[in-house]
Amino acid sequence: MGDMSSKGGTRIAGRDDDLSAVVTAVLSGSRLLVAVAARSLGAVGDRVTLPQFRMMVLLARHGETKLVTMAELLGVNSSTAMRMADRLVAAGLVVREVNPHNRRESLMRLTAEGQRIVDQVMERRRAEIGAIVARMPAEQRRALVSAMNAFSAAGGESADAASRPLGLQDV
């Protein structure tokens, strides 16, 4: 008899079907957004990997950051973050220095070239998403704003994240 949800001991038909339809739609949209993100990296893909770009976006968002904090933000261990940072330093996209207040810590920040790359990739992403959204009727665009804001809030993403380079866990 299909999936049913329970509420106060009463089974309600259709709730699981609705949830399944929403999950399917979100997965479809996320595939499109991942494809847009990958294409936006195309111009710099030979210089920067997706994980490295995530680090760069976090540096653009947070400014100068301790290596251990960056590892936490990325959800990796410190040695992995160090290797990523080393590659970005070698590419001239990040500067890593000893923290003058605590010599056991490293601080990282983007170079001007690193910031230029983040800006370039994000502008390409914004333009492609803008072109997709422009093909939607105005009523659907308004509904999309409401739905995406609710989705982001439910996922713990702050409302002001839209003004920052990666809003979501970044890509």
N, C-alpha and C. Protein backbone atom coordinates (compact mmCIF):
# COMPACT_ATOMS: atom_id res chain seq x y z
N MET A 1 0.80 -1.19 0.00
CA MET A 1 0.00 0.00 0.00
C MET A 1 0.85 1.26 0.00
N GLY A 2 2.08 1.22 -0.41
CA GLY A 2 2.93 2.42 -0.50
C GLY A 2 3.44 2.86 0.85
N ASP A 3 4.31 3.85 0.81
CA ASP A 3 4.89 4.35 2.05
C ASP A 3 3.90 5.24 2.77
N MET A 4 3.92 5.13 4.09
CA MET A 4 3.04 5.96 4.91
C MET A 4 3.83 6.46 6.10
N SER A 5 3.48 7.64 6.58
CA SER A 5 4.11 8.20 7.78
C SER A 5 3.15 8.05 8.94
N SER A 6 3.72 8.05 10.12
CA SER A 6 2.90 7.92 11.32
C SER A 6 2.89 9.25 12.05
N LYS A 7 1.70 9.63 12.53
CA LYS A 7 1.57 10.86 13.32
C LYS A 7 0.62 10.55 14.45
N GLY A 8 1.16 10.52 15.66
CA GLY A 8 0.33 10.26 16.82
C GLY A 8 -0.37 8.91 16.73
N GLY A 9 0.28 7.92 16.16
CA GLY A 9 -0.30 6.59 16.05
C GLY A 9 -1.17 6.42 14.81
N THR A 10 -1.50 7.51 14.11
CA THR A 10 -2.30 7.43 12.90
C THR A 10 -1.36 7.49 11.69
N ARG A 11 -1.58 6.62 10.73
CA ARG A 11 -0.72 6.60 9.55
C ARG A 11 -1.30 7.55 8.51
N ILE A 12 -0.43 8.37 7.94
CA ILE A 12 -0.87 9.35 6.96
C ILE A 12 -0.20 9.02 5.63
N ALA A 13 -0.99 8.68 4.65
CA ALA A 13 -0.46 8.33 3.33
C ALA A 13 0.05 9.59 2.64
N GLY A 14 1.08 9.42 1.83
CA GLY A 14 1.56 10.50 0.99
C GLY A 14 2.72 11.29 1.54
N ARG A 15 2.94 11.33 2.83
CA ARG A 15 4.03 12.13 3.38
C ARG A 15 5.38 11.64 2.89
N ASP A 16 5.60 10.33 2.91
CA ASP A 16 6.88 9.80 2.43
C ASP A 16 7.03 10.04 0.93
N ASP A 17 5.91 9.95 0.19
CA ASP A 17 5.96 10.22 -1.24
C ASP A 17 6.35 11.67 -1.48
N ASP A 18 5.76 12.60 -0.70
CA ASP A 18 6.10 14.02 -0.83
C ASP A 18 7.57 14.24 -0.51
N LEU A 19 8.04 13.65 0.57
CA LEU A 19 9.44 13.79 0.96
C LEU A 19 10.35 13.23 -0.12
N SER A 20 9.98 12.09 -0.66
CA SER A 20 10.78 11.47 -1.73
C SER A 20 10.85 12.37 -2.96
N ALA A 21 9.73 12.99 -3.31
CA ALA A 21 9.71 13.89 -4.47
C ALA A 21 10.60 15.11 -4.22
N VAL A 22 10.56 15.64 -3.01
CA VAL A 22 11.41 16.79 -2.67
C VAL A 22 12.88 16.39 -2.72
N VAL A 23 13.22 15.26 -2.13
CA VAL A 23 14.61 14.80 -2.13
C VAL A 23 15.09 14.59 -3.57
N THR A 24 14.27 13.99 -4.40
CA THR A 24 14.63 13.77 -5.80
C THR A 24 14.86 15.10 -6.51
N ALA A 25 13.98 16.07 -6.27
CA ALA A 25 14.14 17.39 -6.90
C ALA A 25 15.40 18.09 -6.42
N VAL A 26 15.69 18.01 -5.12
CA VAL A 26 16.89 18.64 -4.57
C VAL A 26 18.14 17.97 -5.13
N LEU A 27 18.13 16.65 -5.22
CA LEU A 27 19.27 15.95 -5.80
C LEU A 27 19.49 16.36 -7.25
N SER A 28 18.43 16.49 -8.00
CA SER A 28 18.54 16.93 -9.39
C SER A 28 19.14 18.33 -9.46
N GLY A 29 18.63 19.23 -8.62
CA GLY A 29 19.17 20.59 -8.59
C GLY A 29 20.61 20.62 -8.14
N SER A 30 20.96 19.76 -7.19
CA SER A 30 22.35 19.74 -6.71
C SER A 30 23.29 19.23 -7.79
N ARG A 31 22.83 18.27 -8.61
CA ARG A 31 23.68 17.82 -9.73
C ARG A 31 23.96 18.96 -10.69
N LEU A 32 22.93 19.76 -10.96
CA LEU A 32 23.10 20.92 -11.84
C LEU A 32 24.07 21.92 -11.21
N LEU A 33 23.93 22.20 -9.93
CA LEU A 33 24.82 23.15 -9.27
C LEU A 33 26.26 22.64 -9.21
N VAL A 34 26.44 21.35 -9.00
CA VAL A 34 27.80 20.78 -9.01
C VAL A 34 28.40 20.91 -10.41
N ALA A 35 27.60 20.67 -11.44
CA ALA A 35 28.09 20.82 -12.81
C ALA A 35 28.48 22.27 -13.09
N VAL A 36 27.66 23.21 -12.64
CA VAL A 36 27.98 24.64 -12.79
C VAL A 36 29.28 24.96 -12.06
N ALA A 37 29.43 24.45 -10.84
CA ALA A 37 30.64 24.70 -10.06
C ALA A 37 31.86 24.13 -10.78
N ALA A 38 31.74 22.93 -11.30
CA ALA A 38 32.87 22.31 -12.01
C ALA A 38 33.22 23.11 -13.26
N ARG A 39 32.22 23.54 -14.01
CA ARG A 39 32.50 24.34 -15.22
C ARG A 39 33.14 25.67 -14.85
N SER A 40 32.70 26.27 -13.74
CA SER A 40 33.26 27.57 -13.36
C SER A 40 34.74 27.45 -13.00
N LEU A 41 35.14 26.28 -12.53
CA LEU A 41 36.55 26.04 -12.21
C LEU A 41 37.37 25.72 -13.46
N GLY A 42 36.70 25.49 -14.58
CA GLY A 42 37.38 25.09 -15.80
C GLY A 42 38.53 25.98 -16.21
N ALA A 43 38.36 27.28 -16.05
CA ALA A 43 39.40 28.22 -16.47
C ALA A 43 40.66 28.11 -15.62
N VAL A 44 40.54 27.62 -14.39
CA VAL A 44 41.70 27.52 -13.51
C VAL A 44 41.95 26.10 -13.04
N GLY A 45 41.21 25.15 -13.62
CA GLY A 45 41.28 23.76 -13.19
C GLY A 45 42.66 23.15 -13.27
N ASP A 46 43.50 23.66 -14.15
CA ASP A 46 44.86 23.13 -14.23
C ASP A 46 45.74 23.66 -13.11
N ARG A 47 45.31 24.72 -12.45
CA ARG A 47 46.10 25.30 -11.36
C ARG A 47 45.59 24.93 -9.99
N VAL A 48 44.28 24.65 -9.88
CA VAL A 48 43.64 24.48 -8.57
C VAL A 48 42.65 23.32 -8.63
N THR A 49 42.73 22.44 -7.65
CA THR A 49 41.75 21.37 -7.53
C THR A 49 40.53 21.89 -6.79
N LEU A 50 39.44 21.15 -6.83
CA LEU A 50 38.24 21.56 -6.11
C LEU A 50 38.49 21.70 -4.61
N PRO A 51 39.16 20.73 -3.95
CA PRO A 51 39.44 20.92 -2.52
C PRO A 51 40.31 22.15 -2.24
N GLN A 52 41.28 22.41 -3.10
CA GLN A 52 42.11 23.60 -2.93
C GLN A 52 41.27 24.87 -3.11
N PHE A 53 40.36 24.83 -4.07
CA PHE A 53 39.50 26.00 -4.27
C PHE A 53 38.62 26.23 -3.06
N ARG A 54 38.11 25.16 -2.46
CA ARG A 54 37.34 25.31 -1.22
C ARG A 54 38.15 26.04 -0.17
N MET A 55 39.42 25.68 -0.03
CA MET A 55 40.28 26.35 0.93
C MET A 55 40.40 27.83 0.58
N MET A 56 40.58 28.12 -0.70
CA MET A 56 40.71 29.51 -1.12
C MET A 56 39.44 30.31 -0.84
N VAL A 57 38.29 29.70 -1.07
CA VAL A 57 37.02 30.39 -0.81
C VAL A 57 36.87 30.67 0.69
N LEU A 58 37.24 29.70 1.51
CA LEU A 58 37.17 29.92 2.96
C LEU A 58 38.11 31.04 3.38
N LEU A 59 39.29 31.11 2.78
CA LEU A 59 40.20 32.21 3.09
C LEU A 59 39.62 33.54 2.62
N ALA A 60 38.96 33.54 1.47
CA ALA A 60 38.33 34.77 0.98
C ALA A 60 37.22 35.20 1.94
N ARG A 61 36.51 34.24 2.50
CA ARG A 61 35.40 34.53 3.41
C ARG A 61 35.90 34.97 4.78
N HIS A 62 36.88 34.25 5.32
CA HIS A 62 37.32 34.47 6.70
C HIS A 62 38.54 35.38 6.83
N GLY A 63 39.25 35.62 5.74
CA GLY A 63 40.49 36.38 5.83
C GLY A 63 41.60 35.51 6.41
N GLU A 64 42.58 36.14 6.99
CA GLU A 64 43.71 35.41 7.56
C GLU A 64 43.20 34.39 8.57
N THR A 65 43.64 33.14 8.40
CA THR A 65 43.10 32.04 9.19
C THR A 65 44.21 31.13 9.66
N LYS A 66 44.08 30.62 10.88
CA LYS A 66 45.05 29.64 11.40
C LYS A 66 44.88 28.33 10.63
N LEU A 67 45.98 27.63 10.44
CA LEU A 67 45.95 26.36 9.72
C LEU A 67 45.02 25.36 10.40
N VAL A 68 45.07 25.28 11.73
CA VAL A 68 44.22 24.33 12.46
C VAL A 68 42.74 24.68 12.29
N THR A 69 42.43 25.96 12.26
CA THR A 69 41.05 26.40 12.03
C THR A 69 40.61 26.03 10.62
N MET A 70 41.49 26.21 9.65
CA MET A 70 41.17 25.86 8.27
C MET A 70 40.90 24.36 8.15
N ALA A 71 41.70 23.55 8.81
CA ALA A 71 41.49 22.10 8.78
C ALA A 71 40.10 21.78 9.33
N GLU A 72 39.70 22.42 10.41
CA GLU A 72 38.37 22.20 10.99
C GLU A 72 37.27 22.63 10.02
N LEU A 73 37.44 23.78 9.40
CA LEU A 73 36.44 24.28 8.45
C LEU A 73 36.29 23.34 7.26
N LEU A 74 37.39 22.75 6.82
CA LEU A 74 37.37 21.83 5.69
C LEU A 74 36.97 20.42 6.09
N GLY A 75 37.01 20.12 7.37
CA GLY A 75 36.71 18.77 7.83
C GLY A 75 37.80 17.78 7.51
N VAL A 76 39.06 18.25 7.55
CA VAL A 76 40.21 17.38 7.30
C VAL A 76 41.18 17.50 8.47
N ASN A 77 42.18 16.62 8.51
CA ASN A 77 43.17 16.74 9.58
C ASN A 77 44.19 17.83 9.21
N SER A 78 44.95 18.26 10.19
CA SER A 78 45.89 19.37 9.98
C SER A 78 46.95 19.06 8.93
N SER A 79 47.41 17.81 8.87
CA SER A 79 48.45 17.49 7.89
C SER A 79 47.90 17.57 6.47
N THR A 80 46.64 17.20 6.27
CA THR A 80 46.02 17.33 4.94
C THR A 80 45.88 18.80 4.58
N ALA A 81 45.44 19.62 5.52
CA ALA A 81 45.32 21.05 5.27
C ALA A 81 46.69 21.65 4.97
N MET A 82 47.72 21.19 5.67
CA MET A 82 49.07 21.69 5.45
C MET A 82 49.53 21.37 4.02
N ARG A 83 49.28 20.15 3.56
CA ARG A 83 49.68 19.77 2.20
C ARG A 83 48.94 20.60 1.16
N MET A 84 47.63 20.82 1.39
CA MET A 84 46.87 21.66 0.47
C MET A 84 47.44 23.08 0.44
N ALA A 85 47.72 23.60 1.63
CA ALA A 85 48.27 24.95 1.72
C ALA A 85 49.63 25.02 1.04
N ASP A 86 50.46 24.00 1.23
CA ASP A 86 51.79 23.98 0.60
C ASP A 86 51.67 24.10 -0.92
N ARG A 87 50.70 23.37 -1.50
CA ARG A 87 50.51 23.43 -2.96
C ARG A 87 50.05 24.81 -3.40
N LEU A 88 49.16 25.42 -2.61
CA LEU A 88 48.68 26.76 -2.95
C LEU A 88 49.77 27.81 -2.76
N VAL A 89 50.62 27.62 -1.75
CA VAL A 89 51.76 28.52 -1.56
C VAL A 89 52.70 28.41 -2.75
N ALA A 90 52.99 27.16 -3.17
CA ALA A 90 53.89 26.94 -4.31
C ALA A 90 53.34 27.55 -5.59
N ALA A 91 52.00 27.60 -5.71
CA ALA A 91 51.37 28.18 -6.89
C ALA A 91 51.25 29.70 -6.79
N GLY A 92 51.65 30.27 -5.65
CA GLY A 92 51.58 31.72 -5.48
C GLY A 92 50.18 32.24 -5.18
N LEU A 93 49.30 31.37 -4.67
CA LEU A 93 47.92 31.76 -4.43
C LEU A 93 47.61 32.01 -2.96
N VAL A 94 48.47 31.49 -2.09
CA VAL A 94 48.30 31.64 -0.64
C VAL A 94 49.65 31.97 -0.03
N VAL A 95 49.61 32.79 1.01
CA VAL A 95 50.80 33.07 1.82
C VAL A 95 50.56 32.39 3.17
N ARG A 96 51.58 31.67 3.64
CA ARG A 96 51.50 31.06 4.97
C ARG A 96 52.67 31.59 5.78
N GLU A 97 52.36 32.09 6.98
CA GLU A 97 53.38 32.68 7.83
C GLU A 97 53.20 32.19 9.26
N VAL A 98 54.25 32.30 10.04
CA VAL A 98 54.17 31.96 11.45
C VAL A 98 53.37 33.06 12.15
N ASN A 99 52.47 32.65 13.03
CA ASN A 99 51.68 33.60 13.81
C ASN A 99 52.62 34.33 14.76
N PRO A 100 52.71 35.66 14.66
CA PRO A 100 53.61 36.40 15.54
C PRO A 100 53.21 36.33 17.02
N HIS A 101 51.96 35.99 17.30
CA HIS A 101 51.48 35.90 18.68
C HIS A 101 51.63 34.50 19.26
N ASN A 102 51.82 33.51 18.39
CA ASN A 102 52.00 32.13 18.83
C ASN A 102 52.83 31.42 17.77
N ARG A 103 54.12 31.31 18.00
CA ARG A 103 55.05 30.80 17.00
C ARG A 103 54.78 29.35 16.61
N ARG A 104 53.94 28.65 17.35
CA ARG A 104 53.61 27.26 16.99
C ARG A 104 52.49 27.17 15.97
N GLU A 105 51.87 28.30 15.63
CA GLU A 105 50.75 28.32 14.70
C GLU A 105 51.15 28.94 13.37
N SER A 106 50.51 28.47 12.31
CA SER A 106 50.65 29.07 10.99
C SER A 106 49.39 29.84 10.65
N LEU A 107 49.56 30.99 10.05
CA LEU A 107 48.45 31.78 9.55
C LEU A 107 48.51 31.77 8.03
N MET A 108 47.34 31.71 7.40
CA MET A 108 47.27 31.71 5.94
C MET A 108 46.37 32.83 5.47
N ARG A 109 46.67 33.34 4.28
CA ARG A 109 45.80 34.31 3.63
C ARG A 109 46.01 34.22 2.13
N LEU A 110 45.03 34.68 1.39
CA LEU A 110 45.14 34.68 -0.07
C LEU A 110 46.10 35.75 -0.53
N THR A 111 46.80 35.46 -1.61
CA THR A 111 47.56 36.50 -2.30
C THR A 111 46.59 37.25 -3.21
N ALA A 112 47.04 38.33 -3.81
CA ALA A 112 46.20 39.07 -4.76
C ALA A 112 45.79 38.15 -5.91
N GLU A 113 46.70 37.31 -6.38
CA GLU A 113 46.38 36.37 -7.46
C GLU A 113 45.36 35.34 -6.99
N GLY A 114 45.48 34.86 -5.77
CA GLY A 114 44.50 33.93 -5.22
C GLY A 114 43.13 34.56 -5.15
N GLN A 115 43.05 35.79 -4.68
CA GLN A 115 41.77 36.50 -4.62
C GLN A 115 41.20 36.71 -6.02
N ARG A 116 42.06 37.02 -6.99
CA ARG A 116 41.61 37.22 -8.37
C ARG A 116 40.97 35.94 -8.91
N ILE A 117 41.58 34.80 -8.61
CA ILE A 117 41.04 33.52 -9.08
C ILE A 117 39.70 33.23 -8.43
N VAL A 118 39.59 33.44 -7.12
CA VAL A 118 38.31 33.22 -6.44
C VAL A 118 37.24 34.12 -7.08
N ASP A 119 37.56 35.39 -7.28
CA ASP A 119 36.60 36.32 -7.87
C ASP A 119 36.20 35.89 -9.28
N GLN A 120 37.17 35.46 -10.08
CA GLN A 120 36.91 35.04 -11.46
C GLN A 120 35.99 33.82 -11.49
N VAL A 121 36.30 32.82 -10.69
CA VAL A 121 35.50 31.60 -10.66
C VAL A 121 34.09 31.91 -10.16
N MET A 122 33.98 32.70 -9.12
CA MET A 122 32.66 33.01 -8.57
C MET A 122 31.83 33.84 -9.55
N GLU A 123 32.47 34.71 -10.29
CA GLU A 123 31.75 35.50 -11.29
C GLU A 123 31.24 34.60 -12.41
N ARG A 124 32.06 33.65 -12.84
CA ARG A 124 31.60 32.69 -13.86
C ARG A 124 30.42 31.89 -13.34
N ARG A 125 30.49 31.46 -12.09
CA ARG A 125 29.41 30.68 -11.47
C ARG A 125 28.14 31.52 -11.39
N ARG A 126 28.29 32.76 -10.93
CA ARG A 126 27.14 33.67 -10.81
C ARG A 126 26.50 33.91 -12.17
N ALA A 127 27.30 34.11 -13.20
CA ALA A 127 26.77 34.36 -14.55
C ALA A 127 26.00 33.15 -15.07
N GLU A 128 26.55 31.95 -14.89
CA GLU A 128 25.87 30.76 -15.39
C GLU A 128 24.57 30.50 -14.63
N ILE A 129 24.61 30.64 -13.31
CA ILE A 129 23.38 30.47 -12.53
C ILE A 129 22.36 31.54 -12.90
N GLY A 130 22.83 32.76 -13.12
CA GLY A 130 21.94 33.84 -13.54
C GLY A 130 21.26 33.54 -14.86
N ALA A 131 22.00 32.98 -15.80
CA ALA A 131 21.42 32.63 -17.10
C ALA A 131 20.36 31.53 -16.94
N ILE A 132 20.62 30.57 -16.07
CA ILE A 132 19.64 29.49 -15.84
C ILE A 132 18.38 30.07 -15.20
N VAL A 133 18.56 30.86 -14.15
CA VAL A 133 17.42 31.42 -13.42
C VAL A 133 16.63 32.37 -14.31
N ALA A 134 17.29 33.10 -15.20
CA ALA A 134 16.61 34.04 -16.09
C ALA A 134 15.64 33.32 -17.02
N ARG A 135 15.86 32.04 -17.27
CA ARG A 135 14.95 31.28 -18.14
C ARG A 135 13.68 30.83 -17.40
N MET A 136 13.62 31.06 -16.10
CA MET A 136 12.45 30.69 -15.31
C MET A 136 11.46 31.84 -15.27
N PRO A 137 10.16 31.54 -15.25
CA PRO A 137 9.17 32.61 -15.08
C PRO A 137 9.36 33.30 -13.72
N ALA A 138 8.98 34.56 -13.64
CA ALA A 138 9.17 35.36 -12.42
C ALA A 138 8.56 34.69 -11.19
N GLU A 139 7.39 34.10 -11.33
CA GLU A 139 6.74 33.46 -10.19
C GLU A 139 7.58 32.28 -9.67
N GLN A 140 8.15 31.51 -10.58
CA GLN A 140 9.01 30.39 -10.17
C GLN A 140 10.30 30.89 -9.53
N ARG A 141 10.83 32.02 -10.03
CA ARG A 141 12.05 32.58 -9.42
C ARG A 141 11.77 32.99 -7.98
N ARG A 142 10.61 33.63 -7.74
CA ARG A 142 10.26 34.03 -6.37
C ARG A 142 10.11 32.80 -5.48
N ALA A 143 9.47 31.78 -6.01
CA ALA A 143 9.29 30.54 -5.24
C ALA A 143 10.65 29.89 -4.96
N LEU A 144 11.56 29.97 -5.92
CA LEU A 144 12.89 29.40 -5.74
C LEU A 144 13.64 30.13 -4.63
N VAL A 145 13.54 31.44 -4.59
CA VAL A 145 14.19 32.21 -3.52
C VAL A 145 13.67 31.74 -2.17
N SER A 146 12.39 31.64 -2.03
CA SER A 146 11.79 31.20 -0.77
C SER A 146 12.23 29.79 -0.42
N ALA A 147 12.16 28.89 -1.39
CA ALA A 147 12.52 27.48 -1.13
C ALA A 147 14.00 27.35 -0.80
N MET A 148 14.87 28.03 -1.52
CA MET A 148 16.30 27.91 -1.27
C MET A 148 16.69 28.54 0.07
N ASN A 149 16.03 29.65 0.43
CA ASN A 149 16.29 30.24 1.74
C ASN A 149 15.88 29.29 2.85
N ALA A 150 14.71 28.65 2.69
CA ALA A 150 14.25 27.69 3.69
C ALA A 150 15.18 26.48 3.75
N PHE A 151 15.60 25.99 2.60
CA PHE A 151 16.51 24.85 2.53
C PHE A 151 17.84 25.17 3.20
N SER A 152 18.38 26.34 2.90
CA SER A 152 19.65 26.76 3.50
C SER A 152 19.52 26.91 5.01
N ALA A 153 18.43 27.50 5.45
CA ALA A 153 18.21 27.66 6.89
C ALA A 153 18.10 26.30 7.58
N ALA A 154 17.38 25.38 6.97
CA ALA A 154 17.21 24.05 7.55
C ALA A 154 18.55 23.32 7.63
N GLY A 155 19.45 23.65 6.71
CA GLY A 155 20.78 23.03 6.70
C GLY A 155 21.79 23.78 7.56
N GLY A 156 21.36 24.85 8.22
CA GLY A 156 22.26 25.58 9.11
C GLY A 156 23.08 26.66 8.42
N GLU A 157 22.73 27.01 7.20
CA GLU A 157 23.46 28.06 6.48
C GLU A 157 22.79 29.39 6.79
N SER A 158 23.59 30.39 7.14
CA SER A 158 23.02 31.68 7.53
C SER A 158 22.49 32.43 6.32
N ALA A 159 21.54 33.32 6.57
CA ALA A 159 20.90 34.09 5.51
C ALA A 159 21.88 34.98 4.77
N ASP A 160 22.91 35.49 5.44
CA ASP A 160 23.86 36.38 4.77
C ASP A 160 24.88 35.61 3.95
N ALA A 161 24.82 34.31 3.93
CA ALA A 161 25.79 33.50 3.19
C ALA A 161 25.70 33.77 1.69
N ALA A 162 24.53 34.21 1.21
CA ALA A 162 24.39 34.45 -0.21
C ALA A 162 25.34 35.55 -0.69
N SER A 163 25.74 36.43 0.19
CA SER A 163 26.64 37.51 -0.20
C SER A 163 28.10 37.09 -0.15
N ARG A 164 28.35 35.88 0.37
CA ARG A 164 29.72 35.41 0.48
C ARG A 164 30.03 34.47 -0.68
N PRO A 165 31.30 34.23 -0.97
CA PRO A 165 31.67 33.47 -2.15
C PRO A 165 31.02 32.12 -2.29
N LEU A 166 30.86 31.34 -1.25
CA LEU A 166 30.31 30.01 -1.42
C LEU A 166 29.10 29.74 -0.59
N GLY A 167 28.48 30.60 -0.02
CA GLY A 167 27.29 30.35 0.75
C GLY A 167 27.24 28.96 1.36
N LEU A 168 27.02 27.91 0.52
CA LEU A 168 26.93 26.56 1.03
C LEU A 168 28.30 26.01 1.35
N GLN A 169 28.29 24.84 1.93
CA GLN A 169 29.56 24.20 2.24
C GLN A 169 30.33 24.17 0.94
N ASP A 170 30.41 25.07 0.59
CA ASP A 170 30.94 25.08 -0.46
C ASP A 170 31.09 24.30 -1.33
N VAL A 171 31.28 23.95 -2.07
CA VAL A 171 31.17 23.03 -3.18
C VAL A 171 31.98 21.90 -2.91
